[in-house]
Amino acid sequence: RGEDVSTGFKCVGLPGFEGFVARSLASDLVRALRAEEQLYVVFQPQIDDNAGEVLGAEALIRWNHPAYGHISPEVVVVLAEDMNCIDD
């Protein structure tokens, strides 16, 4: 939806049920960062289509939530930004 200019948050400041779910997931994400059990990295190769060679790899975060399963990377990143733990 974009950033709420009054709060600076993208998800956790949402009203109603959406905000409730976002705040709950954000809290779970902070715990997952501390426990280092649910988050993992996958590597996506970057390939030169012309030469057919692998140029490198992009590291992508994944979250396997114990109750909800795999959480979209886009949601993980926005929640981490909202909770100011994106660098973690």
Protein backbone atom coordinates (compact mmCIF):
# COMPACT_ATOMS: atom_id res chain seq x y z
CA ARG A 1 0.00 0.00 0.00
CA GLY A 2 2.88 2.36 0.51
CA GLU A 3 4.18 4.12 3.57
CA ASP A 4 1.83 5.81 6.02
CA VAL A 5 3.34 9.30 6.20
CA SER A 6 1.92 9.90 9.68
CA THR A 7 3.65 6.86 11.23
CA GLY A 8 6.40 5.96 8.75
CA PHE A 9 5.22 2.33 8.72
CA LYS A 10 4.12 0.30 5.72
CA CYS A 11 2.36 -2.60 7.48
CA VAL A 12 2.34 -2.46 11.26
CA GLY A 13 0.52 0.88 11.29
CA LEU A 14 -2.42 -0.38 9.26
CA PRO A 15 -5.82 -0.17 10.92
CA GLY A 16 -8.12 -3.07 11.69
CA PHE A 17 -7.46 -6.73 11.08
CA GLU A 18 -4.67 -6.09 8.54
CA GLY A 19 -2.74 -4.12 11.11
CA PHE A 20 -3.36 -6.76 13.76
CA VAL A 21 -1.97 -9.50 11.51
CA ALA A 22 0.99 -7.32 10.48
CA ARG A 23 1.87 -6.52 14.10
CA SER A 24 1.56 -10.19 15.06
CA LEU A 25 3.80 -11.30 12.18
CA ALA A 26 6.27 -8.50 12.95
CA SER A 27 6.55 -9.70 16.52
CA ASP A 28 7.05 -13.28 15.29
CA LEU A 29 9.73 -12.07 12.86
CA VAL A 30 11.72 -10.39 15.64
CA ARG A 31 11.57 -13.65 17.64
CA ALA A 32 12.58 -15.66 14.56
CA LEU A 33 15.62 -13.41 14.07
CA ARG A 34 16.72 -14.11 17.64
CA ALA A 35 16.09 -17.86 17.45
CA GLU A 36 17.64 -18.30 14.00
CA GLU A 37 15.40 -21.30 13.31
CA GLN A 38 12.77 -20.20 10.83
CA LEU A 39 14.71 -17.89 8.52
CA TYR A 40 17.01 -19.15 5.82
CA VAL A 41 18.75 -17.97 2.67
CA VAL A 42 18.44 -19.38 -0.84
CA PHE A 43 20.71 -18.42 -3.69
CA GLN A 44 19.31 -17.52 -7.09
CA PRO A 45 21.86 -17.70 -9.88
CA GLN A 46 22.35 -14.70 -12.11
CA ILE A 47 22.92 -15.98 -15.63
CA ASP A 48 24.23 -14.29 -18.75
CA ASP A 49 21.61 -15.35 -21.32
CA ASN A 50 23.93 -14.73 -24.25
CA ALA A 51 26.86 -16.73 -22.95
CA GLY A 52 24.87 -19.19 -20.86
CA GLU A 53 27.23 -18.62 -17.93
CA VAL A 54 26.52 -18.03 -14.28
CA LEU A 55 27.69 -14.53 -13.37
CA GLY A 56 26.95 -14.70 -9.69
CA ALA A 57 24.14 -15.32 -7.24
CA GLU A 58 21.59 -13.26 -5.40
CA ALA A 59 20.93 -14.13 -1.73
CA LEU A 60 17.22 -14.22 -0.94
CA ILE A 61 15.67 -14.47 2.52
CA ARG A 62 12.92 -17.00 3.18
CA TRP A 63 10.77 -17.43 6.29
CA ASN A 64 9.05 -20.66 7.19
CA HIS A 65 6.62 -19.53 9.90
CA PRO A 66 5.65 -22.34 12.31
CA ALA A 67 1.91 -21.61 12.02
CA TYR A 68 1.47 -19.97 8.61
CA GLY A 69 4.14 -21.72 6.56
CA HIS A 70 6.18 -19.82 4.02
CA ILE A 71 5.75 -16.04 4.27
CA SER A 72 6.21 -14.01 1.10
CA PRO A 73 9.67 -12.40 0.88
CA GLU A 74 8.01 -9.06 0.09
CA VAL A 75 6.12 -9.26 3.39
CA VAL A 76 9.25 -10.28 5.31
CA VAL A 77 11.22 -7.32 3.98
CA VAL A 78 8.48 -4.76 4.67
CA LEU A 79 7.92 -6.10 8.20
CA ALA A 80 11.67 -6.03 8.87
CA GLU A 81 11.80 -2.41 7.65
CA ASP A 82 8.83 -1.48 9.85
CA MET A 83 10.47 -3.10 12.88
CA ASN A 84 13.84 -1.48 12.10
CA CYS A 85 15.54 -4.88 11.95
CA ILE A 86 16.18 -5.06 8.21
CA ASP A 87 19.96 -5.17 8.73
CA ASP A 88 19.60 -8.13 11.08
